[in-house]
Amino acid sequence: MFRVGMKVACIDNPSRILKKNDVYTVQQIFSLDGKTGLCFVESNYPKPFDAAYFRPAVERPTSISFAHEILRKATKRMNA
């Protein structure tokens, strides 16, 4: 489910080190006693965080199509 380089969002605050809803980049993945642990590029905390507190981050491409539509309509009215 997780891979190195993947962006993940914190869904719960496992510690005071990471913040809920912030996005982090997976640097290392560990497996210990049947649990998955994650270390992040953005944190220099020496121990992995429990993967249960994270989900893959959804990256949505930015769309400015609405702005193009407004501009098109405004230009059409000016030329009329």
Protein backbone atom coordinates (compact mmCIF):
# COMPACT_ATOMS: atom_id res chain seq x y z
CA MET A 1 0.00 0.00 0.00
CA PHE A 2 2.77 2.47 0.84
CA ARG A 3 5.98 3.01 -1.14
CA VAL A 4 9.05 5.18 -0.79
CA GLY A 5 8.47 8.62 -2.32
CA MET A 6 4.70 8.42 -1.87
CA LYS A 7 2.82 11.40 -0.43
CA VAL A 8 0.65 10.51 2.57
CA ALA A 9 -1.75 12.53 4.69
CA CYS A 10 -1.86 12.26 8.47
CA ILE A 11 -5.41 11.17 9.44
CA ASP A 12 -4.81 11.20 13.18
CA ASN A 13 -2.25 12.87 15.40
CA PRO A 14 0.02 10.01 16.54
CA SER A 15 2.33 12.43 18.35
CA ARG A 16 2.99 16.10 18.80
CA ILE A 17 5.65 15.86 16.10
CA LEU A 18 3.36 15.47 13.08
CA LYS A 19 0.16 17.40 12.42
CA LYS A 20 -3.22 16.01 11.45
CA ASN A 21 -4.13 16.72 7.78
CA ASP A 22 -0.55 17.63 6.83
CA VAL A 23 1.05 15.79 3.89
CA TYR A 24 4.37 13.95 4.25
CA THR A 25 6.72 12.10 1.88
CA VAL A 26 7.61 8.49 2.77
CA GLN A 27 11.37 8.11 3.12
CA GLN A 28 11.58 4.59 4.60
CA ILE A 29 9.19 1.74 5.36
CA PHE A 30 9.67 -0.69 8.23
CA SER A 31 7.88 -3.85 9.29
CA LEU A 32 8.01 -4.87 12.94
CA ASP A 33 5.76 -7.30 14.80
CA GLY A 34 3.21 -7.31 11.98
CA LYS A 35 2.91 -3.51 11.91
CA THR A 36 4.13 -1.14 9.22
CA GLY A 37 6.13 1.90 10.24
CA LEU A 38 6.89 4.96 8.13
CA CYS A 39 9.68 7.53 8.28
CA PHE A 40 9.29 10.83 6.46
CA VAL A 41 11.52 13.23 4.56
CA GLU A 42 9.96 16.15 6.45
CA SER A 43 10.68 14.71 9.91
CA ASN A 44 14.00 13.87 11.51
CA TYR A 45 12.32 11.92 14.33
CA PRO A 46 14.46 8.77 14.81
CA LYS A 47 11.59 6.27 15.14
CA PRO A 48 9.01 5.25 12.51
CA PHE A 49 5.37 6.26 12.84
CA ASP A 50 2.59 3.66 12.72
CA ALA A 51 1.22 3.52 9.16
CA ALA A 52 -2.32 3.19 10.55
CA TYR A 53 -2.26 6.97 11.13
CA PHE A 54 -1.77 7.76 7.44
CA ARG A 55 -3.53 7.41 4.09
CA PRO A 56 -2.33 8.07 0.54
CA ALA A 57 -2.64 11.76 -0.30
CA VAL A 58 -4.90 12.59 -3.22
CA GLU A 59 -3.24 14.99 -5.60
CA ARG A 60 -5.68 16.81 -7.82
CA PRO A 61 -4.40 18.69 -10.82
CA THR A 62 -5.12 22.38 -10.69
CA SER A 63 -7.71 23.42 -13.22
CA ILE A 64 -8.27 26.98 -14.35
CA SER A 65 -10.91 26.09 -16.93
CA PHE A 66 -13.50 28.07 -14.95
CA ALA A 67 -11.39 31.22 -15.40
CA HIS A 68 -11.12 30.64 -19.15
CA GLU A 69 -14.91 30.32 -19.35
CA ILE A 70 -15.44 33.60 -17.46
CA LEU A 71 -12.93 35.36 -19.71
CA ARG A 72 -14.58 33.94 -22.83
CA LYS A 73 -18.02 35.16 -21.72
CA ALA A 74 -16.71 38.61 -20.77
CA THR A 75 -14.91 39.00 -24.10
CA LYS A 76 -18.03 37.91 -25.98
CA ARG A 77 -20.12 40.58 -24.19
CA MET A 78 -17.56 43.31 -24.88
CA ASN A 79 -17.53 42.53 -28.61
CA ALA A 80 -21.33 42.46 -28.89
